[in-house]
Amino acid sequence: MTEMQDLLQAMQELTTTVKEHKPDPATIDMEAVTAEFKKLLEEYAQAQPKPEPKRWGETEDVPAPGARKPRVVESGKFAGCDPFDLWIVQRSLQAGGKPMSAELRKAMDSTTDGSGDDFVPTLMASDIWEQVYLQSKIVQALGPLMNMPSNPYHIPIWSTYTWYVGAENTATTASNPTTSQSIMTATELLAEVNWSYTLDEDSIVPMLPNLRAELVRSAGEKMDAFVLNADSTDANNINEHDNADGDATDYWRTAGQDGIRHYFLVDDTGQAVNAGGDALTDTDIVGALSKMGKYAVNPSDVLMICDASTYLKGLLNLDTVITVDKFGAGATVLTGQIGAYRGIPIIVSESMELTEADGMRDEAGTGTLGQIAIVNKRMWKVGSWRSLLVEIDRDIQKRQTLMVASFRLGIAAYDRTSDHSAGIYNIGV
């Protein structure tokens, strides 16, 4: 708790500094402030206590996967080690044709409910995927991750029911709702990490906690980046608008539906507000919310996502924004949320980059203007077709151990023709 309080205090001091220089912004080094704020954001996300996700229909007395006591080896040579780290060691040894030692087998068995290391890979996959999900900000805010029953998955959509005034002893008119569907298709995202035999021989165990932590952090961030920036367009897409050739391996190249930014920049441009290169105003935000109509009525259903510069130089200058320091102790249970605009949660994401005047990102990432995405969380769904898969092999020519991590994720809007989301671009920061 002390670490969290220190982070909240640092954010409060930084917020106060920005607000004190509001009348004369030229007296503050905003680049340095922004860099420091991004650093605090990352530390804040890592320091938050992890909530316990529960499946639909679970009661409080039924433990969810997240409620399991964290497993560590309690004694012996590997005391204190995370079993996932030991599993990587096991796979590394097996890839090199070396048998697993009795000590390592015993250490891994001691962390399972029964006997036998056959349970370990399944348990580790569940644990590490749960950690990745909890590390994400946007995906977690959008709601429970849906396990896709098929790929592609056709999400059924029903139109509104018709309600009538009833009369005694009289049958009512039956509703005849129409149906449609939204198709979710999974896209594979993967990363590879290699290390030398020398590192194996000098003991890989000490470096594994850092390797695992970075894997979890990076995968969680990439989940957020994908749902925000996904674009199926080959050339001149929203992430490299000046590239006529396109890159098929970029993480945003979705095999299915496009992401959140694509919705208001391409699919329905009428849902976008152009700030004109000027500083963010209440008028800009209210204009975007008004475009959403009924979908923006309930603040708890709405989510606002922005970049760090827009938060510091734009949102903090608005009197209607409650900053993270005002949440107090409550901020420790809000994953990623650092403020609220009239009750609407604000998430600052490193995946929301500065863009050009048209809201698009150029290939070199040299944009200078801010952007805000506003979504109704009930109208977006994130699905998983393959949870995090970690595979290990050897390259004998380079004398390296290769670890490849991958997962398959899908993003879908229930309807890409309604007004459930909006955005503000070309914000001067």
Protein backbone atom coordinates (compact mmCIF):
# COMPACT_ATOMS: atom_id res chain seq x y z
CA MET A 1 0.00 0.00 0.00
CA THR A 2 2.91 2.34 0.76
CA GLU A 3 4.16 2.00 -2.82
CA MET A 4 0.70 2.82 -4.18
CA GLN A 5 0.37 5.81 -1.87
CA ASP A 6 3.76 7.09 -2.98
CA LEU A 7 2.72 6.77 -6.63
CA LEU A 8 -0.57 8.55 -6.01
CA GLN A 9 1.29 11.30 -4.18
CA ALA A 10 3.73 11.68 -7.10
CA MET A 11 0.82 11.86 -9.56
CA GLN A 12 -0.92 14.42 -7.39
CA GLU A 13 2.20 16.60 -7.25
CA LEU A 14 2.65 16.33 -11.00
CA THR A 15 -1.02 17.17 -11.59
CA THR A 16 -0.79 20.17 -9.26
CA THR A 17 2.32 21.39 -11.07
CA VAL A 18 0.57 21.23 -14.45
CA LYS A 19 -2.48 23.06 -13.13
CA GLU A 20 -0.38 25.76 -11.45
CA HIS A 21 1.25 26.54 -14.80
CA LYS A 22 -2.10 26.59 -16.62
CA PRO A 23 -2.13 30.43 -16.98
CA ASP A 24 1.38 30.41 -18.46
CA PRO A 25 2.22 26.97 -19.95
CA ALA A 26 5.48 28.29 -21.40
CA THR A 27 6.97 28.20 -17.89
CA ILE A 28 6.88 24.41 -17.66
CA ASP A 29 8.80 21.74 -19.56
CA MET A 30 5.83 19.67 -20.74
CA GLU A 31 8.00 17.14 -22.58
CA ALA A 32 9.75 16.27 -19.32
CA VAL A 33 6.45 16.23 -17.45
CA THR A 34 4.87 13.94 -20.05
CA ALA A 35 7.83 11.54 -19.92
CA GLU A 36 7.68 11.42 -16.12
CA PHE A 37 3.91 10.92 -16.19
CA LYS A 38 4.22 7.97 -18.59
CA LYS A 39 6.77 6.41 -16.24
CA LEU A 40 4.44 6.87 -13.27
CA LEU A 41 1.58 5.35 -15.25
CA GLU A 42 3.55 2.19 -15.91
CA GLU A 43 4.58 1.91 -12.26
CA TYR A 44 0.99 2.60 -11.20
CA ALA A 45 -0.37 -0.22 -13.38
CA GLN A 46 2.22 -2.66 -12.07
CA ALA A 47 1.64 -1.72 -8.43
CA GLN A 48 -2.13 -2.13 -8.42
CA PRO A 49 -3.56 -5.11 -6.55
CA LYS A 50 -4.90 -7.67 -8.98
CA PRO A 51 -8.68 -8.11 -8.93
CA GLU A 52 -10.12 -11.59 -8.94
CA PRO A 53 -12.04 -12.23 -12.19
CA LYS A 54 -15.15 -14.34 -11.82
CA ARG A 55 -17.13 -16.29 -14.36
CA TRP A 56 -20.73 -15.42 -15.04
CA GLY A 57 -23.02 -16.97 -12.43
CA GLU A 58 -20.33 -17.55 -9.83
CA THR A 59 -21.20 -16.76 -6.23
CA GLU A 60 -18.87 -15.27 -3.68
CA ASP A 61 -18.27 -18.62 -1.99
CA VAL A 62 -17.16 -20.29 -5.22
CA PRO A 63 -13.47 -19.47 -5.83
CA ALA A 64 -12.64 -18.20 -9.30
CA PRO A 65 -9.33 -19.00 -11.04
CA GLY A 66 -7.94 -15.66 -9.93
CA ALA A 67 -8.71 -16.49 -6.31
CA ARG A 68 -6.17 -19.30 -6.21
CA LYS A 69 -3.34 -18.73 -3.84
CA PRO A 70 -0.24 -17.77 -5.87
CA ARG A 71 1.94 -20.85 -6.19
CA VAL A 72 5.60 -20.71 -5.28
CA VAL A 73 8.06 -23.42 -4.36
CA GLU A 74 8.17 -23.42 -0.59
CA SER A 75 11.40 -25.28 0.11
CA GLY A 76 14.50 -26.80 -1.39
CA LYS A 77 16.91 -25.56 -4.02
CA PHE A 78 14.19 -23.68 -5.91
CA ALA A 79 12.41 -22.16 -2.89
CA GLY A 80 10.59 -18.95 -3.76
CA CYS A 81 10.62 -19.59 -7.51
CA ASP A 82 7.51 -19.19 -9.59
CA PRO A 83 6.50 -22.54 -11.15
CA PHE A 84 6.12 -20.90 -14.54
CA ASP A 85 9.81 -20.00 -14.44
CA LEU A 86 10.67 -23.59 -13.59
CA TRP A 87 8.45 -24.81 -16.41
CA ILE A 88 10.46 -22.68 -18.86
CA VAL A 89 13.64 -24.26 -17.48
CA GLN A 90 12.10 -27.71 -17.96
CA ARG A 91 11.13 -26.96 -21.56
CA SER A 92 14.56 -25.51 -22.24
CA LEU A 93 16.24 -28.65 -20.95
CA GLN A 94 13.91 -30.92 -22.93
CA ALA A 95 14.55 -28.94 -26.12
CA GLY A 96 18.24 -29.58 -25.63
CA GLY A 97 17.70 -33.30 -25.08
CA LYS A 98 18.46 -33.11 -21.38
CA PRO A 99 16.32 -34.92 -18.78
CA MET A 100 14.60 -32.95 -16.05
CA SER A 101 16.37 -33.37 -12.73
CA ALA A 102 14.64 -35.01 -9.80
CA GLU A 103 14.95 -31.74 -7.82
CA LEU A 104 13.24 -29.75 -10.56
CA ARG A 105 10.47 -32.34 -10.92
CA LYS A 106 9.90 -32.33 -7.17
CA ALA A 107 9.83 -28.54 -7.05
CA MET A 108 7.23 -28.38 -9.80
CA ASP A 109 5.11 -31.16 -8.26
CA SER A 110 5.07 -29.35 -4.93
CA THR A 111 3.09 -26.49 -6.48
CA THR A 112 0.24 -28.64 -7.84
CA ASP A 113 -2.84 -29.96 -6.09
CA GLY A 114 -1.87 -33.54 -6.99
CA SER A 115 1.29 -35.31 -8.01
CA GLY A 116 2.87 -35.24 -11.41
CA ASP A 117 4.33 -32.48 -13.56
CA ASP A 118 1.82 -33.22 -16.35
CA PHE A 119 -0.52 -30.76 -14.66
CA VAL A 120 2.00 -27.93 -14.68
CA PRO A 121 1.76 -26.72 -18.32
CA THR A 122 -2.05 -26.45 -18.09
CA LEU A 123 -1.91 -24.61 -14.79
CA MET A 124 0.82 -22.28 -15.99
CA ALA A 125 -1.04 -21.44 -19.19
CA SER A 126 -4.10 -20.50 -17.16
CA ASP A 127 -2.13 -18.43 -14.67
CA ILE A 128 -0.04 -16.55 -17.22
CA TRP A 129 -3.08 -15.75 -19.43
CA GLU A 130 -4.90 -14.44 -16.39
CA GLN A 131 -1.94 -12.22 -15.56
CA VAL A 132 -1.85 -10.89 -19.13
CA TYR A 133 -5.56 -10.04 -19.02
CA LEU A 134 -5.17 -8.26 -15.69
CA GLN A 135 -2.23 -6.28 -17.05
CA SER A 136 -4.33 -4.88 -19.90
CA LYS A 137 -6.21 -1.63 -19.38
CA ILE A 138 -8.61 -1.22 -22.28
CA VAL A 139 -9.48 -4.91 -22.74
CA GLN A 140 -10.21 -5.37 -19.05
CA ALA A 141 -12.34 -2.19 -19.00
CA LEU A 142 -14.41 -3.45 -21.94
CA GLY A 143 -15.57 -6.41 -19.88
CA PRO A 144 -14.92 -10.14 -19.49
CA LEU A 145 -12.78 -11.73 -22.21
CA MET A 146 -15.01 -14.04 -24.23
CA ASN A 147 -13.81 -17.52 -25.10
CA MET A 148 -14.76 -17.86 -28.76
CA PRO A 149 -16.67 -21.13 -29.37
CA SER A 150 -15.64 -21.05 -33.04
CA ASN A 151 -13.46 -19.07 -35.39
CA PRO A 152 -14.93 -17.02 -36.91
CA TYR A 153 -17.66 -16.53 -34.33
CA HIS A 154 -21.01 -15.05 -35.37
CA ILE A 155 -22.32 -12.89 -32.53
CA PRO A 156 -26.14 -12.77 -32.71
CA ILE A 157 -27.80 -9.34 -32.48
CA TRP A 158 -31.49 -8.80 -31.71
CA SER A 159 -33.42 -5.66 -32.46
CA THR A 160 -35.39 -3.84 -29.76
CA TYR A 161 -38.48 -5.48 -28.29
CA THR A 162 -41.81 -3.67 -28.63
CA TRP A 163 -43.72 -2.96 -25.40
CA TYR A 164 -47.47 -2.28 -25.10
CA VAL A 165 -49.92 -1.23 -22.44
CA GLY A 166 -51.70 -4.33 -21.18
CA ALA A 167 -55.44 -4.84 -20.77
CA GLU A 168 -57.10 -7.34 -18.45
CA ASN A 169 -57.92 -10.71 -20.05
CA THR A 170 -56.50 -9.52 -23.37
CA ALA A 171 -53.50 -11.02 -25.18
CA THR A 172 -50.85 -8.56 -26.21
CA THR A 173 -49.26 -8.25 -29.63
CA ALA A 174 -46.14 -10.39 -29.92
CA SER A 175 -42.88 -8.62 -30.69
CA ASN A 176 -41.23 -9.58 -33.91
CA PRO A 177 -37.61 -8.54 -33.40
CA THR A 178 -35.30 -8.81 -36.36
CA THR A 179 -31.92 -10.49 -36.05
CA SER A 180 -28.50 -9.80 -37.45
CA GLN A 181 -24.95 -10.75 -36.58
CA SER A 182 -21.50 -9.38 -36.01
CA ILE A 183 -18.61 -11.58 -37.05
CA MET A 184 -15.53 -11.93 -34.85
CA THR A 185 -12.40 -13.45 -36.42
CA ALA A 186 -9.25 -14.13 -34.40
CA THR A 187 -5.87 -12.64 -35.33
CA GLU A 188 -2.62 -14.27 -34.19
CA LEU A 189 -0.08 -12.11 -32.37
CA LEU A 190 3.32 -13.51 -31.45
CA ALA A 191 6.72 -12.52 -30.12
CA GLU A 192 10.04 -14.37 -29.94
CA VAL A 193 12.81 -14.11 -27.35
CA ASN A 194 16.15 -15.90 -27.77
CA TRP A 195 19.05 -16.44 -25.39
CA SER A 196 22.38 -18.21 -25.68
CA TYR A 197 23.49 -21.56 -24.35
CA THR A 198 25.95 -19.60 -22.21
CA LEU A 199 23.10 -17.99 -20.35
CA ASP A 200 21.54 -21.42 -19.83
CA GLU A 201 24.85 -22.75 -18.51
CA ASP A 202 25.31 -19.76 -16.20
CA SER A 203 21.83 -20.47 -14.78
CA ILE A 204 18.76 -19.06 -16.43
CA VAL A 205 16.69 -19.13 -13.24
CA PRO A 206 17.72 -15.66 -11.89
CA MET A 207 16.68 -13.89 -15.11
CA LEU A 208 13.33 -15.64 -15.54
CA PRO A 209 11.24 -13.46 -13.20
CA ASN A 210 12.17 -10.39 -15.26
CA LEU A 211 11.56 -12.29 -18.49
CA ARG A 212 8.13 -13.42 -17.30
CA ALA A 213 7.18 -9.95 -16.01
CA GLU A 214 8.11 -8.35 -19.32
CA LEU A 215 6.22 -11.04 -21.24
CA VAL A 216 3.06 -10.36 -19.21
CA ARG A 217 3.39 -6.58 -19.44
CA SER A 218 4.13 -6.62 -23.16
CA ALA A 219 1.32 -9.05 -24.00
CA GLY A 220 -1.20 -7.04 -21.98
CA GLU A 221 -0.17 -3.81 -23.71
CA LYS A 222 -0.35 -5.49 -27.12
CA MET A 223 -3.89 -6.68 -26.40
CA ASP A 224 -4.86 -3.06 -25.76
CA ALA A 225 -2.98 -1.83 -28.83
CA PHE A 226 -4.74 -4.37 -31.04
CA VAL A 227 -8.31 -3.57 -29.97
CA LEU A 228 -7.56 0.15 -30.32
CA ASN A 229 -5.67 0.15 -33.63
CA ALA A 230 -6.77 -2.98 -35.54
CA ASP A 231 -7.12 -2.34 -39.29
CA SER A 232 -7.59 -4.92 -42.04
CA THR A 233 -6.51 -2.50 -44.78
CA ASP A 234 -3.25 -3.35 -46.55
CA ALA A 235 -2.10 0.10 -47.66
CA ASN A 236 -2.73 3.60 -46.31
CA ASN A 237 -4.39 2.32 -43.15
CA ILE A 238 -4.98 4.34 -39.98
CA ASN A 239 -1.61 3.33 -38.49
CA GLU A 240 0.68 4.07 -41.45
CA HIS A 241 -1.38 6.29 -43.68
CA ASP A 242 1.57 7.28 -45.88
CA ASN A 243 2.62 3.71 -46.67
CA ALA A 244 1.19 2.64 -50.03
CA ASP A 245 2.64 -0.88 -49.69
CA GLY A 246 1.64 -1.81 -46.15
CA ASP A 247 3.25 -4.41 -43.89
CA ALA A 248 1.47 -7.73 -43.47
CA THR A 249 3.28 -8.51 -40.19
CA ASP A 250 2.35 -5.38 -38.22
CA TYR A 251 0.37 -6.23 -35.10
CA TRP A 252 -2.66 -4.16 -36.13
CA ARG A 253 -3.22 -6.09 -39.39
CA THR A 254 -6.40 -7.79 -38.24
CA ALA A 255 -7.78 -10.90 -39.92
CA GLY A 256 -11.27 -9.86 -38.84
CA GLN A 257 -13.03 -6.68 -37.75
CA ASP A 258 -11.34 -3.33 -37.38
CA GLY A 259 -10.69 -1.70 -34.02
CA ILE A 260 -11.96 1.26 -32.04
CA ARG A 261 -10.10 4.10 -33.80
CA HIS A 262 -11.06 2.75 -37.21
CA TYR A 263 -14.73 3.11 -36.24
CA PHE A 264 -14.78 6.91 -36.07
CA LEU A 265 -11.91 7.62 -38.47
CA VAL A 266 -13.12 5.41 -41.35
CA ASP A 267 -16.32 3.43 -40.75
CA ASP A 268 -18.47 6.33 -39.59
CA THR A 269 -16.66 9.65 -39.96
CA GLY A 270 -19.78 11.46 -38.78
CA GLN A 271 -18.89 10.22 -35.28
CA ALA A 272 -15.59 12.15 -35.28
CA VAL A 273 -14.99 15.66 -33.94
CA ASN A 274 -12.13 17.70 -35.43
CA ALA A 275 -10.56 19.87 -32.73
CA GLY A 276 -8.96 22.00 -35.44
CA GLY A 277 -5.43 21.71 -34.08
CA ASP A 278 -6.46 23.75 -31.03
CA ALA A 279 -6.40 22.88 -27.36
CA LEU A 280 -9.07 20.49 -26.13
CA THR A 281 -12.29 22.11 -24.87
CA ASP A 282 -15.45 20.95 -23.14
CA THR A 283 -17.27 21.77 -26.38
CA ASP A 284 -15.19 19.16 -28.23
CA ILE A 285 -16.02 16.42 -25.71
CA VAL A 286 -19.68 17.34 -25.36
CA GLY A 287 -19.90 17.38 -29.17
CA ALA A 288 -18.53 13.84 -29.34
CA LEU A 289 -20.83 12.62 -26.58
CA SER A 290 -23.85 14.18 -28.25
CA LYS A 291 -23.05 12.20 -31.41
CA MET A 292 -23.37 9.02 -29.34
CA GLY A 293 -26.87 9.97 -28.16
CA LYS A 294 -28.43 7.29 -25.95
CA TYR A 295 -25.16 5.35 -25.83
CA ALA A 296 -23.53 8.13 -23.75
CA VAL A 297 -26.35 8.60 -21.24
CA ASN A 298 -25.01 6.21 -18.59
CA PRO A 299 -21.41 7.14 -17.64
CA SER A 300 -20.75 3.66 -16.25
CA ASP A 301 -21.29 2.22 -19.75
CA VAL A 302 -18.88 4.66 -21.39
CA LEU A 303 -15.08 4.65 -21.56
CA MET A 304 -12.74 7.45 -22.63
CA ILE A 305 -9.27 6.51 -23.96
CA CYS A 306 -6.54 9.07 -24.71
CA ASP A 307 -2.80 9.55 -25.03
CA ALA A 308 -0.67 10.97 -22.20
CA SER A 309 -0.14 14.36 -23.87
CA THR A 310 -3.88 14.89 -24.38
CA TYR A 311 -4.50 14.02 -20.75
CA LEU A 312 -1.83 16.35 -19.39
CA LYS A 313 -2.24 19.27 -21.78
CA GLY A 314 -5.94 18.95 -22.50
CA LEU A 315 -8.08 17.08 -20.00
CA LEU A 316 -6.24 18.40 -16.94
CA ASN A 317 -7.10 21.94 -18.06
CA LEU A 318 -10.83 21.19 -17.87
CA ASP A 319 -12.60 21.88 -14.58
CA THR A 320 -14.96 18.95 -15.25
CA VAL A 321 -12.20 16.33 -14.90
CA ILE A 322 -11.58 14.53 -11.61
CA THR A 323 -7.95 13.42 -11.49
CA VAL A 324 -6.44 10.29 -9.97
CA ASP A 325 -5.40 12.05 -6.77
CA LYS A 326 -9.05 12.85 -5.99
CA PHE A 327 -9.98 9.15 -6.00
CA GLY A 328 -7.85 8.57 -2.91
CA ALA A 329 -7.68 4.97 -1.75
CA GLY A 330 -10.37 4.08 -4.29
CA ALA A 331 -7.88 4.58 -7.10
CA THR A 332 -6.05 1.42 -6.08
CA VAL A 333 -8.91 -0.74 -7.35
CA LEU A 334 -9.38 1.03 -10.68
CA THR A 335 -7.25 -0.77 -13.23
CA GLY A 336 -5.76 1.82 -15.54
CA GLN A 337 -8.31 4.52 -14.71
CA ILE A 338 -6.63 7.76 -13.64
CA GLY A 339 -9.49 10.20 -13.92
CA ALA A 340 -13.11 10.78 -14.87
CA TYR A 341 -14.90 13.28 -17.10
CA ARG A 342 -18.38 13.90 -15.70
CA GLY A 343 -18.37 10.37 -14.34
CA ILE A 344 -16.90 8.76 -17.48
CA PRO A 345 -13.71 6.77 -16.68
CA ILE A 346 -10.53 8.03 -18.37
CA ILE A 347 -7.81 5.57 -19.36
CA VAL A 348 -4.47 6.91 -20.56
CA SER A 349 -2.96 4.34 -22.93
CA GLU A 350 0.53 4.14 -24.38
CA SER A 351 -1.14 2.48 -27.36
CA MET A 352 -2.85 5.73 -28.30
CA GLU A 353 -0.10 7.52 -30.21
CA LEU A 354 0.06 11.11 -31.44
CA THR A 355 -1.22 11.44 -34.99
CA GLU A 356 -1.44 13.71 -38.02
CA ALA A 357 -4.14 16.36 -38.49
CA ASP A 358 -6.47 13.80 -40.08
CA GLY A 359 -6.29 11.52 -37.03
CA MET A 360 -4.12 8.98 -38.85
CA ARG A 361 -0.65 7.83 -37.85
CA ASP A 362 2.19 8.02 -40.37
CA GLU A 363 4.62 5.13 -40.79
CA ALA A 364 7.43 6.89 -38.94
CA GLY A 365 5.20 7.78 -35.99
CA THR A 366 6.03 11.49 -36.16
CA GLY A 367 2.54 12.77 -35.32
CA THR A 368 2.18 15.74 -32.97
CA LEU A 369 -1.57 15.91 -32.35
CA GLY A 370 -3.67 14.21 -29.70
CA GLN A 371 -6.73 11.98 -29.93
CA ILE A 372 -9.53 10.67 -27.71
CA ALA A 373 -11.70 7.60 -28.34
CA ILE A 374 -15.05 7.34 -26.54
CA VAL A 375 -16.86 4.00 -26.58
CA ASN A 376 -19.92 2.39 -25.11
CA LYS A 377 -18.41 -0.69 -23.51
CA ARG A 378 -21.53 -2.82 -24.04
CA MET A 379 -21.19 -2.46 -27.81
CA TRP A 380 -17.69 -3.95 -28.10
CA LYS A 381 -16.57 -7.51 -27.46
CA VAL A 382 -13.06 -8.97 -27.21
CA GLY A 383 -12.69 -12.70 -27.78
CA SER A 384 -9.94 -15.25 -27.31
CA TRP A 385 -9.53 -18.22 -29.67
CA ARG A 386 -6.13 -19.22 -28.27
CA SER A 387 -4.88 -18.05 -24.89
CA LEU A 388 -1.19 -17.37 -24.38
CA LEU A 389 0.91 -20.24 -25.75
CA VAL A 390 4.60 -20.43 -24.81
CA GLU A 391 6.81 -22.77 -26.85
CA ILE A 392 10.54 -23.40 -26.50
CA ASP A 393 13.04 -24.88 -28.94
CA ARG A 394 16.76 -24.84 -29.77
CA ASP A 395 18.77 -23.47 -32.67
CA ILE A 396 21.93 -25.58 -32.70
CA GLN A 397 23.64 -23.47 -35.38
CA LYS A 398 23.45 -20.31 -33.28
CA ARG A 399 23.52 -22.21 -29.97
CA GLN A 400 20.44 -20.43 -28.78
CA THR A 401 17.29 -21.24 -26.88
CA LEU A 402 14.20 -19.85 -28.62
CA MET A 403 11.01 -18.94 -26.80
CA VAL A 404 7.95 -18.00 -28.87
CA ALA A 405 4.84 -16.62 -27.16
CA SER A 406 1.59 -16.26 -29.10
CA PHE A 407 -2.14 -15.78 -28.68
CA ARG A 408 -5.16 -15.28 -30.97
CA LEU A 409 -7.48 -12.41 -30.25
CA GLY A 410 -10.60 -11.04 -31.89
CA ILE A 411 -12.32 -7.64 -31.62
CA ALA A 412 -15.86 -6.95 -32.76
CA ALA A 413 -18.44 -4.19 -32.50
CA TYR A 414 -22.01 -5.38 -32.19
CA ASP A 415 -23.02 -2.87 -34.84
CA ARG A 416 -20.80 -0.68 -37.01
CA THR A 417 -23.65 1.51 -38.26
CA SER A 418 -25.08 2.82 -34.97
CA ASP A 419 -23.68 5.72 -32.96
CA HIS A 420 -22.27 3.78 -29.99
CA SER A 421 -18.74 5.23 -30.25
CA ALA A 422 -17.12 8.54 -31.17
CA GLY A 423 -13.72 10.21 -31.26
CA ILE A 424 -11.93 13.55 -31.13
CA TYR A 425 -8.82 14.09 -33.26
CA ASN A 426 -6.47 16.92 -34.30
CA ILE A 427 -6.08 18.04 -30.68
CA GLY A 428 -3.30 20.54 -30.10
CA VAL A 429 -0.91 19.25 -27.47
